Protein backbone atom coordinates (compact mmCIF):
# COMPACT_ATOMS: atom_id res chain seq x y z
CA MET A 1 11.27 -54.54 11.09
CA LYS A 2 8.26 -55.66 13.17
CA GLY A 3 9.97 -54.35 16.32
CA VAL A 4 10.34 -50.88 14.80
CA GLY A 5 6.62 -50.77 13.91
CA PHE A 6 5.64 -51.83 17.43
CA LEU A 7 7.96 -49.21 18.95
CA PHE A 8 6.45 -46.52 16.71
CA LEU A 9 2.92 -47.57 17.73
CA LEU A 10 3.91 -47.49 21.42
CA ILE A 11 5.33 -43.97 21.06
CA VAL A 12 2.19 -42.74 19.24
CA VAL A 13 -0.09 -44.20 21.95
CA PHE A 14 2.01 -42.68 24.76
CA TYR A 15 2.06 -39.20 23.30
CA SER A 16 -1.61 -39.27 22.33
CA CYS A 17 -2.57 -39.93 25.98
CA LYS A 18 -0.17 -37.38 27.43
CA GLY A 19 -1.75 -33.98 27.94
CA ARG A 20 -5.31 -35.21 27.41
CA GLU A 21 -7.84 -33.75 29.82
CA VAL A 22 -10.56 -35.88 31.35
CA PRO A 23 -13.62 -34.10 32.80
CA VAL A 24 -14.11 -34.60 36.55
CA CYS A 25 -17.08 -32.33 37.26
CA GLU A 26 -18.94 -29.33 35.94
CA GLY A 27 -21.65 -27.04 37.22
CA MET A 28 -22.60 -23.55 38.28
CA ILE A 29 -21.16 -21.78 41.33
CA ASP A 30 -22.24 -18.18 42.05
CA ASN A 31 -23.66 -17.85 38.51
CA GLN A 32 -20.36 -18.86 36.93
CA ARG A 33 -19.80 -22.02 34.91
CA VAL A 34 -17.14 -24.16 36.58
CA ASN A 35 -15.39 -27.18 35.07
CA VAL A 36 -12.73 -29.34 36.72
CA SER A 37 -10.65 -31.75 34.67
CA LEU A 38 -7.69 -34.02 35.24
CA GLN A 39 -4.75 -33.82 32.84
CA LYS A 40 -2.09 -36.49 32.53
CA LYS A 41 1.42 -35.03 32.31
CA THR A 42 3.42 -38.29 32.55
CA ASP A 43 2.73 -41.82 33.78
CA SER A 44 3.19 -40.61 37.34
CA ALA A 45 2.22 -36.94 37.19
CA TYR A 46 -1.19 -35.35 36.76
CA VAL A 47 -2.70 -31.92 37.33
CA LEU A 48 -6.21 -30.87 38.36
CA LEU A 49 -7.40 -27.92 36.26
CA LEU A 50 -10.21 -25.56 37.25
CA TYR A 51 -11.89 -23.55 34.51
CA VAL A 52 -14.26 -20.68 35.30
CA ASP A 53 -16.37 -19.62 32.30
CA ASP A 54 -14.02 -21.60 30.01
CA LYS A 55 -10.86 -19.82 31.24
CA LEU A 56 -8.19 -21.67 33.23
CA HIS A 57 -8.30 -20.16 36.71
CA SER A 58 -6.49 -22.59 39.00
CA SER A 59 -4.52 -25.83 38.99
CA TRP A 60 -3.14 -28.32 41.48
CA PRO A 61 -0.26 -30.68 40.61
CA LEU A 62 -0.47 -34.34 41.58
CA ASP A 63 2.99 -35.89 41.38
CA TYR A 64 1.65 -39.42 41.75
CA PRO A 65 -0.12 -41.98 39.57
CA VAL A 66 -3.91 -41.56 39.69
CA TYR A 67 -6.10 -44.67 39.76
CA ARG A 68 -9.55 -43.05 40.16
CA TYR A 69 -11.32 -39.72 40.48
CA ASP A 70 -14.84 -38.67 41.37
CA SER A 71 -16.71 -35.60 42.56
CA GLY A 72 -19.62 -34.67 44.77
CA ASP A 73 -20.64 -32.33 47.56
CA ILE A 74 -18.88 -34.22 50.36
CA THR A 75 -18.85 -31.26 52.77
CA GLY A 76 -22.48 -30.24 52.18
CA ASN A 77 -21.62 -26.61 51.31
CA GLY A 78 -23.31 -26.68 47.89
CA LYS A 79 -20.02 -26.84 45.95
CA PRO A 80 -18.49 -29.89 44.34
CA ASP A 81 -15.51 -31.49 46.07
CA ILE A 82 -13.03 -33.52 44.04
CA ALA A 83 -11.87 -36.94 45.23
CA VAL A 84 -8.68 -38.28 43.64
CA GLY A 85 -7.16 -41.69 44.30
CA VAL A 86 -3.37 -41.60 44.10
CA ILE A 87 -0.66 -44.21 44.61
CA LYS A 88 2.07 -42.95 46.91
CA PRO A 89 4.13 -43.76 49.98
CA THR A 90 3.72 -41.87 53.26
CA ARG A 91 6.09 -41.06 56.06
CA PHE A 92 4.78 -43.91 58.21
CA ASP A 93 4.05 -46.32 55.33
CA PRO A 94 6.95 -46.19 52.85
CA LYS A 95 5.38 -48.77 50.50
CA PRO A 96 3.46 -47.03 47.67
CA ASP A 97 -0.22 -47.76 48.19
CA LYS A 98 -3.60 -46.36 47.22
CA ARG A 99 -4.53 -43.15 49.07
CA LEU A 100 -7.47 -40.76 48.88
CA PHE A 101 -7.09 -37.00 48.40
CA ILE A 102 -10.08 -34.65 48.59
CA PHE A 103 -9.94 -31.13 47.17
CA ARG A 104 -12.35 -28.22 47.51
CA ILE A 105 -13.09 -25.20 45.36
CA THR A 106 -12.63 -21.99 47.37
CA ASP A 107 -14.97 -19.00 47.25
CA ASP A 108 -12.49 -17.23 44.96
CA PHE A 109 -12.29 -20.28 42.66
CA TYR A 110 -9.04 -21.99 43.57
CA ILE A 111 -8.41 -25.71 44.02
CA ARG A 112 -7.16 -26.38 47.55
CA PRO A 113 -6.63 -29.59 49.51
CA LEU A 114 -9.39 -30.44 51.94
CA TRP A 115 -8.00 -33.79 53.09
CA LEU A 116 -4.85 -35.60 51.98
CA GLY A 117 -5.63 -38.93 53.56
CA SER A 118 -2.88 -41.39 54.19
CA ARG A 119 -5.38 -44.10 55.11
CA VAL A 120 -8.95 -44.98 55.91
CA SER A 121 -9.57 -47.72 58.51
CA GLN A 122 -8.00 -50.49 56.37
CA PRO A 123 -5.77 -50.37 53.26
CA LEU A 124 -7.75 -48.75 50.46
CA GLU A 125 -8.54 -50.65 47.28
CA ASP A 126 -11.09 -48.37 45.57
CA PHE A 127 -13.71 -45.69 46.27
CA CYS A 128 -16.65 -43.76 44.86
CA ILE A 129 -18.91 -40.94 45.97
CA ARG A 130 -22.54 -41.84 46.68
CA ARG A 131 -24.82 -38.99 45.64
CA ASP A 132 -28.23 -39.95 47.03
CA GLU A 133 -28.20 -37.60 50.02
CA ILE A 134 -27.74 -33.83 50.42
CA ARG A 135 -24.24 -34.36 51.77
CA HIS A 136 -22.64 -37.06 49.69
CA MET A 137 -20.91 -40.08 51.23
CA VAL A 138 -17.55 -41.64 50.34
CA CYS A 139 -17.87 -45.39 49.80
CA THR A 140 -14.71 -47.49 49.91
CA ILE A 141 -13.43 -50.96 49.24
CA GLU A 142 -10.75 -51.84 51.79
CA ARG A 143 -8.51 -54.88 52.24
CA GLU A 144 -9.19 -56.94 55.37
CA GLN A 145 -6.27 -58.57 57.20
CA SER A 146 -7.72 -61.95 56.19
CA GLY A 147 -7.20 -61.15 52.50
CA ASN A 148 -10.90 -60.55 51.87
CA TYR A 149 -12.46 -57.12 51.40
CA LEU A 150 -14.98 -54.82 53.04
CA VAL A 151 -17.19 -52.05 51.74
CA ALA A 152 -17.64 -49.06 54.05
CA GLU A 153 -19.21 -45.61 54.08
CA TYR A 154 -17.61 -42.41 55.39
CA ARG A 155 -19.13 -38.99 56.01
CA TRP A 156 -17.27 -35.67 56.13
CA ARG A 157 -17.01 -34.32 59.68
CA GLY A 158 -15.09 -31.07 60.06
CA PHE A 159 -11.49 -32.06 59.40
CA GLY A 160 -11.73 -35.46 57.75
CA LEU A 161 -13.68 -38.54 56.90
CA ASP A 162 -15.52 -40.20 59.74
CA PHE A 163 -16.51 -43.86 59.59
CA GLU A 164 -20.28 -44.23 59.21
CA ARG A 165 -20.93 -47.97 58.68
CA TYR A 166 -19.86 -51.19 57.04
CA ILE A 167 -22.01 -52.18 54.11
CA GLU A 168 -20.49 -55.67 54.13
CA ARG A 169 -17.31 -57.35 55.42
CA GLU A 170 -15.18 -60.40 54.65
CA ILE A 171 -16.26 -60.66 51.02
CA PRO A 172 -14.37 -61.42 47.78
CA LEU A 173 -13.15 -58.49 45.67
CA LYS A 174 -15.64 -59.23 42.87
CA LYS A 175 -18.59 -58.85 45.27
CA ALA A 176 -17.06 -55.72 46.82
CA LYS A 177 -16.71 -54.12 43.38
CA LYS A 178 -20.35 -54.93 42.61
CA LEU A 179 -21.47 -53.35 45.91
CA LEU A 180 -19.34 -50.25 45.21
CA GLN A 181 -20.79 -49.98 41.70
CA ASP A 182 -24.33 -50.28 43.13
CA ASN A 183 -23.56 -47.37 45.51
CA GLU A 184 -22.32 -44.94 42.82
């Protein structure tokens, strides 16, 4: 009988998480209130939802597990960009790994991909957007070949992310996470 109770609890937890929207960013664009949220469809499928004045206006499916999301004005155009970390394989790297996707909001309020990155300089572990400048930076934790980690900064340059600098290299994951947290 205990097994049936556990199974029931597991089903309730699964269905209570499914369909829930998590806010990603909100603000004003051209005197209209804009909200972006992330909705979980299944364990491995999500959708970005863009609301304009509380009405659903656009969506973008993400058919991959999401491990992190953030937002900021990465391009410097005065509009929020949405950064989503997904776990997926690529054509040249068939092993599912953490990747970074960046989306923009168009002038007519649609979510469109800005950059669907297969990789930064090293395998990606985590990221955040640093908001202390006019054009926000993407900070990453990446796995070094040695097994240690590095923390780096990237700036948007035209078509993609361009390496700016290493904050620190050859450090343990715990220290890298602390540095990333300090840069949020």
